[in-house]
C-alpha atoms as a PDB file:
ATOM      1  CA  UNK A   1       4.534 -67.948  42.613  1.00  0.00           C
ATOM      2  CA  UNK A   2       4.705 -64.577  40.679  1.00  0.00           C
ATOM      3  CA  UNK A   3       4.520 -61.378  42.807  1.00  0.00           C
ATOM      4  CA  UNK A   4       1.942 -58.694  41.862  1.00  0.00           C
ATOM      5  CA  UNK A   5       3.029 -56.051  39.387  1.00  0.00           C
ATOM      6  CA  UNK A   6       3.428 -53.357  41.970  1.00  0.00           C
ATOM      7  CA  UNK A   7       6.048 -55.369  43.669  1.00  0.00           C
ATOM      8  CA  UNK A   8       7.636 -57.176  40.801  1.00  0.00           C
ATOM      9  CA  UNK A   9       8.291 -54.064  38.563  1.00  0.00           C
ATOM     10  CA  UNK A  10       9.461 -51.725  41.438  1.00  0.00           C
ATOM     11  CA  UNK A  11      12.475 -49.861  40.284  1.00  0.00           C
ATOM     12  CA  UNK A  12      11.524 -46.237  40.923  1.00  0.00           C
ATOM     13  CA  UNK A  13       9.006 -45.545  43.703  1.00  0.00           C
ATOM     14  CA  UNK A  14       7.997 -42.039  44.730  1.00  0.00           C
ATOM     15  CA  UNK A  15      11.099 -40.635  43.174  1.00  0.00           C
ATOM     16  CA  UNK A  16      13.331 -42.987  45.136  1.00  0.00           C
ATOM     17  CA  UNK A  17      15.769 -45.204  43.328  1.00  0.00           C
ATOM     18  CA  UNK A  18      16.450 -48.756  44.429  1.00  0.00           C
ATOM     19  CA  UNK A  19      20.157 -49.207  44.791  1.00  0.00           C
ATOM     20  CA  UNK A  20      21.713 -51.059  41.764  1.00  0.00           C
ATOM     21  CA  UNK A  21      23.121 -54.565  42.137  1.00  0.00           C
ATOM     22  CA  UNK A  22      26.982 -54.569  42.514  1.00  0.00           C
ATOM     23  CA  UNK A  23      29.100 -56.557  40.097  1.00  0.00           C
ATOM     24  CA  UNK A  24      28.623 -60.416  40.629  1.00  0.00           C
ATOM     25  CA  UNK A  25      32.333 -60.719  40.958  1.00  0.00           C
ATOM     26  CA  UNK A  26      33.906 -61.318  44.249  1.00  0.00           C
ATOM     27  CA  UNK A  27      35.344 -58.253  45.922  1.00  0.00           C
ATOM     28  CA  UNK A  28      38.982 -57.750  44.858  1.00  0.00           C
ATOM     29  CA  UNK A  29      41.628 -58.346  47.587  1.00  0.00           C
ATOM     30  CA  UNK A  30      44.651 -56.159  47.378  1.00  0.00           C
ATOM     31  CA  UNK A  31      47.764 -57.913  48.742  1.00  0.00           C
ATOM     32  CA  UNK A  32      50.375 -55.644  47.287  1.00  0.00           C
ATOM     33  CA  UNK A  33      51.521 -52.283  48.465  1.00  0.00           C
ATOM     34  CA  UNK A  34      49.015 -49.533  47.774  1.00  0.00           C
ATOM     35  CA  UNK A  35      50.291 -45.911  47.169  1.00  0.00           C
ATOM     36  CA  UNK A  36      47.835 -43.013  47.985  1.00  0.00           C
ATOM     37  CA  UNK A  37      48.079 -40.520  45.058  1.00  0.00           C
ATOM     38  CA  UNK A  38      45.509 -37.920  46.300  1.00  0.00           C
ATOM     39  CA  UNK A  39      44.653 -36.458  49.630  1.00  0.00           C
ATOM     40  CA  UNK A  40      41.094 -37.154  51.150  1.00  0.00           C
ATOM     41  CA  UNK A  41      38.792 -34.350  50.453  1.00  0.00           C
ATOM     42  CA  UNK A  42      36.297 -32.593  52.930  1.00  0.00           C
ATOM     43  CA  UNK A  43      32.753 -34.246  52.952  1.00  0.00           C
ATOM     44  CA  UNK A  44      30.560 -32.610  50.571  1.00  0.00           C
ATOM     45  CA  UNK A  45      27.218 -31.086  52.014  1.00  0.00           C
ATOM     46  CA  UNK A  46      24.245 -33.302  51.658  1.00  0.00           C
ATOM     47  CA  UNK A  47      21.698 -32.384  48.985  1.00  0.00           C
ATOM     48  CA  UNK A  48      18.495 -31.285  50.764  1.00  0.00           C
ATOM     49  CA  UNK A  49      15.600 -33.620  50.758  1.00  0.00           C
ATOM     50  CA  UNK A  50      12.723 -32.713  48.469  1.00  0.00           C
ATOM     51  CA  UNK A  51      10.191 -30.181  49.911  1.00  0.00           C
ATOM     52  CA  UNK A  52       7.296 -32.779  49.944  1.00  0.00           C
ATOM     53  CA  UNK A  53       9.023 -34.766  52.588  1.00  0.00           C
ATOM     54  CA  UNK A  54       8.599 -31.896  54.961  1.00  0.00           C
ATOM     55  CA  UNK A  55       6.097 -32.633  57.733  1.00  0.00           C
ATOM     56  CA  UNK A  56       3.878 -30.105  59.725  1.00  0.00           C
ATOM     57  CA  UNK A  57       3.601 -30.959  63.433  1.00  0.00           C
ATOM     58  CA  UNK A  58       1.382 -28.627  65.516  1.00  0.00           C
ATOM     59  CA  UNK A  59       2.584 -25.120  64.684  1.00  0.00           C
ATOM     60  CA  UNK A  60       5.980 -26.029  63.216  1.00  0.00           C
ATOM     61  CA  UNK A  61       7.197 -27.275  59.915  1.00  0.00           C
ATOM     62  CA  UNK A  62       9.968 -29.886  60.033  1.00  0.00           C
ATOM     63  CA  UNK A  63      12.390 -30.152  57.254  1.00  0.00           C
ATOM     64  CA  UNK A  64      15.011 -32.991  57.577  1.00  0.00           C
ATOM     65  CA  UNK A  65      18.630 -32.003  57.195  1.00  0.00           C
ATOM     66  CA  UNK A  66      20.055 -35.475  56.866  1.00  0.00           C
ATOM     67  CA  UNK A  67      18.942 -38.761  55.573  1.00  0.00           C
ATOM     68  CA  UNK A  68      17.704 -40.423  58.738  1.00  0.00           C
ATOM     69  CA  UNK A  69      16.019 -37.256  60.056  1.00  0.00           C
ATOM     70  CA  UNK A  70      12.963 -38.026  57.972  1.00  0.00           C
ATOM     71  CA  UNK A  71      12.104 -40.755  60.691  1.00  0.00           C
ATOM     72  CA  UNK A  72      11.227 -37.971  63.148  1.00  0.00           C
ATOM     73  CA  UNK A  73       7.583 -37.578  63.929  1.00  0.00           C
ATOM     74  CA  UNK A  74       6.551 -40.713  61.964  1.00  0.00           C
ATOM     75  CA  UNK A  75       4.123 -42.956  63.872  1.00  0.00           C
ATOM     76  CA  UNK A  76       5.320 -46.053  62.068  1.00  0.00           C
ATOM     77  CA  UNK A  77       7.440 -47.364  59.251  1.00  0.00           C
ATOM     78  CA  UNK A  78       6.926 -50.503  57.086  1.00  0.00           C
ATOM     79  CA  UNK A  79       9.579 -52.660  55.480  1.00  0.00           C
ATOM     80  CA  UNK A  80       8.640 -54.480  52.270  1.00  0.00           C
ATOM     81  CA  UNK A  81      11.072 -56.894  50.381  1.00  0.00           C
ATOM     82  CA  UNK A  82      11.031 -56.475  46.687  1.00  0.00           C
ATOM     83  CA  UNK A  83      11.318 -59.328  44.187  1.00  0.00           C
ATOM     84  CA  UNK A  84      12.382 -59.687  40.580  1.00  0.00           C
ATOM     85  CA  UNK A  85      11.569 -62.521  38.112  1.00  0.00           C
ATOM     86  CA  UNK A  86      15.220 -63.078  37.323  1.00  0.00           C
ATOM     87  CA  UNK A  87      16.394 -63.511  40.879  1.00  0.00           C
ATOM     88  CA  UNK A  88      18.304 -66.625  41.819  1.00  0.00           C
ATOM     89  CA  UNK A  89      18.335 -68.354  45.102  1.00  0.00           C
ATOM     90  CA  UNK A  90      21.618 -66.700  46.044  1.00  0.00           C
ATOM     91  CA  UNK A  91      20.568 -63.189  45.113  1.00  0.00           C
ATOM     92  CA  UNK A  92      20.984 -60.199  47.489  1.00  0.00           C
ATOM     93  CA  UNK A  93      17.941 -58.924  49.241  1.00  0.00           C
ATOM     94  CA  UNK A  94      16.369 -55.502  48.491  1.00  0.00           C
ATOM     95  CA  UNK A  95      13.646 -53.607  50.476  1.00  0.00           C
ATOM     96  CA  UNK A  96      11.601 -50.514  50.479  1.00  0.00           C
ATOM     97  CA  UNK A  97      11.003 -48.647  53.806  1.00  0.00           C
ATOM     98  CA  UNK A  98       7.602 -46.828  53.619  1.00  0.00           C
ATOM     99  CA  UNK A  99       5.779 -44.309  55.714  1.00  0.00           C
ATOM    100  CA  UNK A 100       2.295 -44.932  57.065  1.00  0.00           C
ATOM    101  CA  UNK A 101       0.954 -43.272  53.925  1.00  0.00           C
ATOM    102  CA  UNK A 102       2.813 -45.704  51.693  1.00  0.00           C
ATOM    103  CA  UNK A 103       5.461 -43.179  50.486  1.00  0.00           C
ATOM    104  CA  UNK A 104       8.854 -44.688  49.968  1.00  0.00           C
ATOM    105  CA  UNK A 105      11.348 -43.290  52.470  1.00  0.00           C
ATOM    106  CA  UNK A 106      14.480 -45.407  51.803  1.00  0.00           C
ATOM    107  CA  UNK A 107      15.475 -47.995  49.345  1.00  0.00           C
ATOM    108  CA  UNK A 108      17.690 -50.617  51.017  1.00  0.00           C
ATOM    109  CA  UNK A 109      20.035 -52.805  49.078  1.00  0.00           C
ATOM    110  CA  UNK A 110      22.167 -55.743  50.525  1.00  0.00           C
ATOM    111  CA  UNK A 111      25.791 -55.977  49.533  1.00  0.00           C
ATOM    112  CA  UNK A 112      27.322 -59.440  50.145  1.00  0.00           C
ATOM    113  CA  UNK A 113      29.364 -62.017  48.365  1.00  0.00           C
ATOM    114  CA  UNK A 114      27.766 -64.984  46.525  1.00  0.00           C
ATOM    115  CA  UNK A 115      30.096 -67.338  48.436  1.00  0.00           C
ATOM    116  CA  UNK A 116      28.754 -66.175  51.763  1.00  0.00           C
ATOM    117  CA  UNK A 117      25.203 -66.349  50.559  1.00  0.00           C
ATOM    118  CA  UNK A 118      25.582 -69.822  49.462  1.00  0.00           C
ATOM    119  CA  UNK A 119      27.577 -71.127  52.505  1.00  0.00           C
ATOM    120  CA  UNK A 120      25.977 -69.243  55.373  1.00  0.00           C
ATOM    121  CA  UNK A 121      22.453 -68.435  54.169  1.00  0.00           C
ATOM    122  CA  UNK A 122      20.688 -65.982  56.385  1.00  0.00           C
ATOM    123  CA  UNK A 123      23.486 -65.940  58.850  1.00  0.00           C
ATOM    124  CA  UNK A 124      25.816 -64.367  56.293  1.00  0.00           C
ATOM    125  CA  UNK A 125      27.754 -61.081  56.838  1.00  0.00           C
ATOM    126  CA  UNK A 126      26.455 -58.231  54.810  1.00  0.00           C
ATOM    127  CA  UNK A 127      26.169 -54.521  54.468  1.00  0.00           C
ATOM    128  CA  UNK A 128      22.726 -52.894  53.900  1.00  0.00           C
ATOM    129  CA  UNK A 129      22.733 -49.547  52.288  1.00  0.00           C
ATOM    130  CA  UNK A 130      19.735 -47.334  52.617  1.00  0.00           C
ATOM    131  CA  UNK A 131      19.301 -44.435  50.104  1.00  0.00           C
ATOM    132  CA  UNK A 132      16.894 -41.621  50.607  1.00  0.00           C
ATOM    133  CA  UNK A 133      14.895 -39.614  48.120  1.00  0.00           C
ATOM    134  CA  UNK A 134      17.913 -37.706  46.880  1.00  0.00           C
ATOM    135  CA  UNK A 135      19.748 -41.061  46.091  1.00  0.00           C
ATOM    136  CA  UNK A 136      22.215 -40.314  48.795  1.00  0.00           C
ATOM    137  CA  UNK A 137      23.255 -42.932  51.325  1.00  0.00           C
ATOM    138  CA  UNK A 138      21.371 -42.214  54.622  1.00  0.00           C
ATOM    139  CA  UNK A 139      22.252 -45.274  56.698  1.00  0.00           C
ATOM    140  CA  UNK A 140      24.414 -48.385  56.506  1.00  0.00           C
ATOM    141  CA  UNK A 141      23.747 -51.578  58.551  1.00  0.00           C
ATOM    142  CA  UNK A 142      26.671 -53.938  59.010  1.00  0.00           C
ATOM    143  CA  UNK A 143      26.165 -57.460  60.241  1.00  0.00           C
ATOM    144  CA  UNK A 144      28.909 -60.044  60.940  1.00  0.00           C
ATOM    145  CA  UNK A 145      28.816 -63.765  60.363  1.00  0.00           C
ATOM    146  CA  UNK A 146      26.556 -65.386  62.848  1.00  0.00           C
ATOM    147  CA  UNK A 147      24.625 -68.661  62.307  1.00  0.00           C
ATOM    148  CA  UNK A 148      21.096 -68.672  63.742  1.00  0.00           C
ATOM    149  CA  UNK A 149      21.160 -72.116  65.301  1.00  0.00           C
ATOM    150  CA  UNK A 150      24.376 -71.485  67.353  1.00  0.00           C
ATOM    151  CA  UNK A 151      23.355 -69.951  70.740  1.00  0.00           C
ATOM    152  CA  UNK A 152      26.912 -69.444  71.782  1.00  0.00           C
ATOM    153  CA  UNK A 153      27.603 -67.043  68.860  1.00  0.00           C
ATOM    154  CA  UNK A 154      25.828 -63.685  69.547  1.00  0.00           C
ATOM    155  CA  UNK A 155      24.276 -61.979  66.650  1.00  0.00           C
ATOM    156  CA  UNK A 156      24.874 -58.229  66.257  1.00  0.00           C
ATOM    157  CA  UNK A 157      24.412 -55.457  63.723  1.00  0.00           C
ATOM    158  CA  UNK A 158      26.011 -52.060  63.562  1.00  0.00           C
ATOM    159  CA  UNK A 159      24.227 -48.880  62.402  1.00  0.00           C
ATOM    160  CA  UNK A 160      26.341 -46.396  60.625  1.00  0.00           C
ATOM    161  CA  UNK A 161      25.765 -43.014  58.981  1.00  0.00           C
ATOM    162  CA  UNK A 162      28.090 -41.401  56.238  1.00  0.00           C
ATOM    163  CA  UNK A 163      30.830 -40.756  56.019  1.00  0.00           C
ATOM    164  CA  UNK A 164      31.836 -43.408  58.571  1.00  0.00           C
ATOM    165  CA  UNK A 165      30.297 -42.678  62.030  1.00  0.00           C
ATOM    166  CA  UNK A 166      28.683 -45.421  64.171  1.00  0.00           C
ATOM    167  CA  UNK A 167      25.283 -44.619  65.622  1.00  0.00           C
ATOM    168  CA  UNK A 168      24.991 -47.628  67.755  1.00  0.00           C
ATOM    169  CA  UNK A 169      24.595 -51.361  67.553  1.00  0.00           C
ATOM    170  CA  UNK A 170      22.046 -54.182  68.217  1.00  0.00           C
ATOM    171  CA  UNK A 171      23.409 -57.078  70.287  1.00  0.00           C
ATOM    172  CA  UNK A 172      21.824 -60.402  71.147  1.00  0.00           C
ATOM    173  CA  UNK A 173      21.472 -61.299  74.757  1.00  0.00           C
ATOM    174  CA  UNK A 174      22.349 -64.980  75.680  1.00  0.00           C
ATOM    175  CA  UNK A 175      18.779 -66.190  76.420  1.00  0.00           C
ATOM    176  CA  UNK A 176      17.451 -69.643  75.680  1.00  0.00           C
ATOM    177  CA  UNK A 177      13.621 -69.421  75.771  1.00  0.00           C
ATOM    178  CA  UNK A 178      12.806 -65.916  74.534  1.00  0.00           C
ATOM    179  CA  UNK A 179      14.667 -63.745  71.863  1.00  0.00           C
ATOM    180  CA  UNK A 180      16.149 -60.754  73.567  1.00  0.00           C
ATOM    181  CA  UNK A 181      18.446 -58.081  72.195  1.00  0.00           C
ATOM    182  CA  UNK A 182      19.786 -54.714  73.458  1.00  0.00           C
ATOM    183  CA  UNK A 183      20.167 -51.510  71.352  1.00  0.00           C
ATOM    184  CA  UNK A 184      23.354 -49.701  72.495  1.00  0.00           C
ATOM    185  CA  UNK A 185      24.224 -46.092  71.810  1.00  0.00           C
ATOM    186  CA  UNK A 186      27.635 -45.632  70.390  1.00  0.00           C
ATOM    187  CA  UNK A 187      28.361 -42.317  72.309  1.00  0.00           C
ATOM    188  CA  UNK A 188      27.763 -43.808  75.758  1.00  0.00           C
ATOM    189  CA  UNK A 189      28.273 -47.591  75.044  1.00  0.00           C
ATOM    190  CA  UNK A 190      25.311 -48.367  77.197  1.00  0.00           C
ATOM    191  CA  UNK A 191      22.051 -50.098  76.359  1.00  0.00           C
ATOM    192  CA  UNK A 192      19.113 -47.614  75.580  1.00  0.00           C
ATOM    193  CA  UNK A 193      16.475 -50.089  74.575  1.00  0.00           C
ATOM    194  CA  UNK A 194      15.707 -53.742  75.174  1.00  0.00           C
ATOM    195  CA  UNK A 195      13.959 -55.807  72.419  1.00  0.00           C
ATOM    196  CA  UNK A 196      11.939 -58.792  73.594  1.00  0.00           C
ATOM    197  CA  UNK A 197      10.344 -61.370  71.481  1.00  0.00           C
ATOM    198  CA  UNK A 198       7.530 -63.868  72.303  1.00  0.00           C
ATOM    199  CA  UNK A 199       8.082 -66.058  75.338  1.00  0.00           C
ATOM    200  CA  UNK A 200       8.417 -69.820  75.124  1.00  0.00           C
ATOM    201  CA  UNK A 201       9.769 -69.643  71.550  1.00  0.00           C
ATOM    202  CA  UNK A 202      11.784 -72.964  71.821  1.00  0.00           C
ATOM    203  CA  UNK A 203      15.296 -73.856  72.345  1.00  0.00           C
ATOM    204  CA  UNK A 204      17.723 -71.252  71.026  1.00  0.00           C
ATOM    205  CA  UNK A 205      14.882 -68.905  70.155  1.00  0.00           C
ATOM    206  CA  UNK A 206      15.153 -69.405  66.387  1.00  0.00           C
ATOM    207  CA  UNK A 207      11.959 -71.252  65.731  1.00  0.00           C
ATOM    208  CA  UNK A 208       9.556 -68.441  65.617  1.00  0.00           C
ATOM    209  CA  UNK A 209       6.144 -68.326  63.700  1.00  0.00           C
ATOM    210  CA  UNK A 210       5.979 -66.320  60.594  1.00  0.00           C
ATOM    211  CA  UNK A 211       3.609 -63.805  62.309  1.00  0.00           C
ATOM    212  CA  UNK A 212       5.041 -62.573  65.607  1.00  0.00           C
ATOM    213  CA  UNK A 213       5.556 -59.530  67.807  1.00  0.00           C
ATOM    214  CA  UNK A 214       8.467 -57.835  69.486  1.00  0.00           C
ATOM    215  CA  UNK A 215       8.259 -55.140  72.148  1.00  0.00           C
ATOM    216  CA  UNK A 216      10.778 -52.418  72.718  1.00  0.00           C
ATOM    217  CA  UNK A 217      11.159 -50.901  76.140  1.00  0.00           C
ATOM    218  CA  UNK A 218      13.452 -48.977  78.425  1.00  0.00           C
ATOM    219  CA  UNK A 219      13.123 -48.095  82.122  1.00  0.00           C
ATOM    220  CA  UNK A 220       9.882 -50.169  82.262  1.00  0.00           C
ATOM    221  CA  UNK A 221       8.039 -47.983  79.709  1.00  0.00           C
ATOM    222  CA  UNK A 222       7.006 -49.226  76.227  1.00  0.00           C
ATOM    223  CA  UNK A 223       8.790 -47.187  73.564  1.00  0.00           C
ATOM    224  CA  UNK A 224       8.160 -49.026  70.360  1.00  0.00           C
ATOM    225  CA  UNK A 225       7.131 -52.478  68.910  1.00  0.00           C
ATOM    226  CA  UNK A 226       7.965 -54.541  65.836  1.00  0.00           C
ATOM    227  CA  UNK A 227       5.735 -57.163  64.204  1.00  0.00           C
ATOM    228  CA  UNK A 228       5.922 -59.353  61.087  1.00  0.00           C
ATOM    229  CA  UNK A 229       2.630 -59.837  59.417  1.00  0.00           C
ATOM    230  CA  UNK A 230       1.011 -60.967  56.244  1.00  0.00           C
ATOM    231  CA  UNK A 231      -0.041 -58.119  53.985  1.00  0.00           C
ATOM    232  CA  UNK A 232      -2.995 -59.366  51.920  1.00  0.00           C
ATOM    233  CA  UNK A 233      -3.139 -56.319  49.652  1.00  0.00           C
ATOM    234  CA  UNK A 234       0.497 -57.073  48.353  1.00  0.00           C
ATOM    235  CA  UNK A 235       0.462 -60.758  48.940  1.00  0.00           C
ATOM    236  CA  UNK A 236       3.677 -60.687  50.987  1.00  0.00           C
ATOM    237  CA  UNK A 237       4.862 -60.369  54.536  1.00  0.00           C
ATOM    238  CA  UNK A 238       5.936 -57.079  55.974  1.00  0.00           C
ATOM    239  CA  UNK A 239       7.956 -56.011  58.988  1.00  0.00           C
ATOM    240  CA  UNK A 240       6.272 -53.114  60.704  1.00  0.00           C
ATOM    241  CA  UNK A 241       7.620 -50.661  63.388  1.00  0.00           C
ATOM    242  CA  UNK A 242       5.341 -48.688  65.497  1.00  0.00           C
ATOM    243  CA  UNK A 243       6.792 -45.867  67.543  1.00  0.00           C
ATOM    244  CA  UNK A 244       4.555 -45.692  70.608  1.00  0.00           C
ATOM    245  CA  UNK A 245       6.670 -42.892  72.323  1.00  0.00           C
ATOM    246  CA  UNK A 246       6.262 -39.749  70.236  1.00  0.00           C
ATOM    247  CA  UNK A 247       9.492 -38.309  72.014  1.00  0.00           C
ATOM    248  CA  UNK A 248      11.761 -40.675  70.359  1.00  0.00           C
ATOM    249  CA  UNK A 249      14.556 -38.895  68.499  1.00  0.00           C
ATOM    250  CA  UNK A 250      15.382 -39.469  64.780  1.00  0.00           C
ATOM    251  CA  UNK A 251      18.620 -41.270  66.006  1.00  0.00           C
ATOM    252  CA  UNK A 252      16.799 -43.587  68.329  1.00  0.00           C
ATOM    253  CA  UNK A 253      14.317 -44.423  65.538  1.00  0.00           C
ATOM    254  CA  UNK A 254      17.207 -45.150  63.184  1.00  0.00           C
ATOM    255  CA  UNK A 255      18.568 -47.670  65.844  1.00  0.00           C
ATOM    256  CA  UNK A 256      15.313 -49.358  66.156  1.00  0.00           C
ATOM    257  CA  UNK A 257      15.087 -49.531  62.276  1.00  0.00           C
ATOM    258  CA  UNK A 258      18.439 -51.250  62.402  1.00  0.00           C
ATOM    259  CA  UNK A 259      17.055 -53.932  64.898  1.00  0.00           C
ATOM    260  CA  UNK A 260      14.139 -54.650  62.678  1.00  0.00           C
ATOM    261  CA  UNK A 261      16.442 -55.516  59.789  1.00  0.00           C
ATOM    262  CA  UNK A 262      18.413 -57.851  62.119  1.00  0.00           C
ATOM    263  CA  UNK A 263      15.229 -59.513  63.203  1.00  0.00           C
ATOM    264  CA  UNK A 264      14.219 -59.855  59.550  1.00  0.00           C
ATOM    265  CA  UNK A 265      17.396 -61.836  58.666  1.00  0.00           C
ATOM    266  CA  UNK A 266      17.530 -63.892  61.848  1.00  0.00           C
ATOM    267  CA  UNK A 267      13.911 -65.112  62.007  1.00  0.00           C
ATOM    268  CA  UNK A 268      11.908 -64.323  58.792  1.00  0.00           C
ATOM    269  CA  UNK A 269      14.268 -64.970  55.959  1.00  0.00           C
ATOM    270  CA  UNK A 270      14.023 -68.257  54.360  1.00  0.00           C
ATOM    271  CA  UNK A 271      15.742 -67.701  50.963  1.00  0.00           C
ATOM    272  CA  UNK A 272      19.494 -67.825  50.743  1.00  0.00           C
END
């Protein structure tokens, strides 16, 4: 079934560029000695985000300084998968993360090998690169190999920021009748949020309906929620994050965004 033109032809959206597909060749493995001919250079300062991304909250104007800072003060974000007519069943996934007003915040592009996509399907290892409006990498999500039907194999995803710092990780809890995950802060190594799916989901918690709801809480307080719903206006499903706690920091929102991408692959992706 053909997607509507707004989704099918999406290449540039609100001045944000969808990351280009890497070469179809498998990553090269270097088994010989490698000589370093140049010293690493200091990290270049980030290009400022365009002025229109600045938001006014009360009496202050907030201008984000780094890629994921644009998540601060947003009441919600919405993840849409993009499709192209020439995609095969083993293609890498691409997404657009939007604000409540429909503006594109990030363009997300999966990086994985064709072999892993064909062999392991949605349980495949991958890296998800999120580019902001300046076409710079704001976040990287890294997932290891984990098959959805094997309860003994915990699923996890790491959230990174350039040039190579870990913000935190999302780790599956060993439950049987309800999906449960913990979002851990890298600086403390302690869980900061618990993500709970619908109860009585079935054995191993991998048989969820296409439309379902996850709540995110800490200390007994509701902090955010994630749902997966059909969007009739675009004829596709979207994964939506609602930040019910306005005091959530940009870092905490980035960790929650990473958990939404993990849920997308574990429960809602049907294409290899």
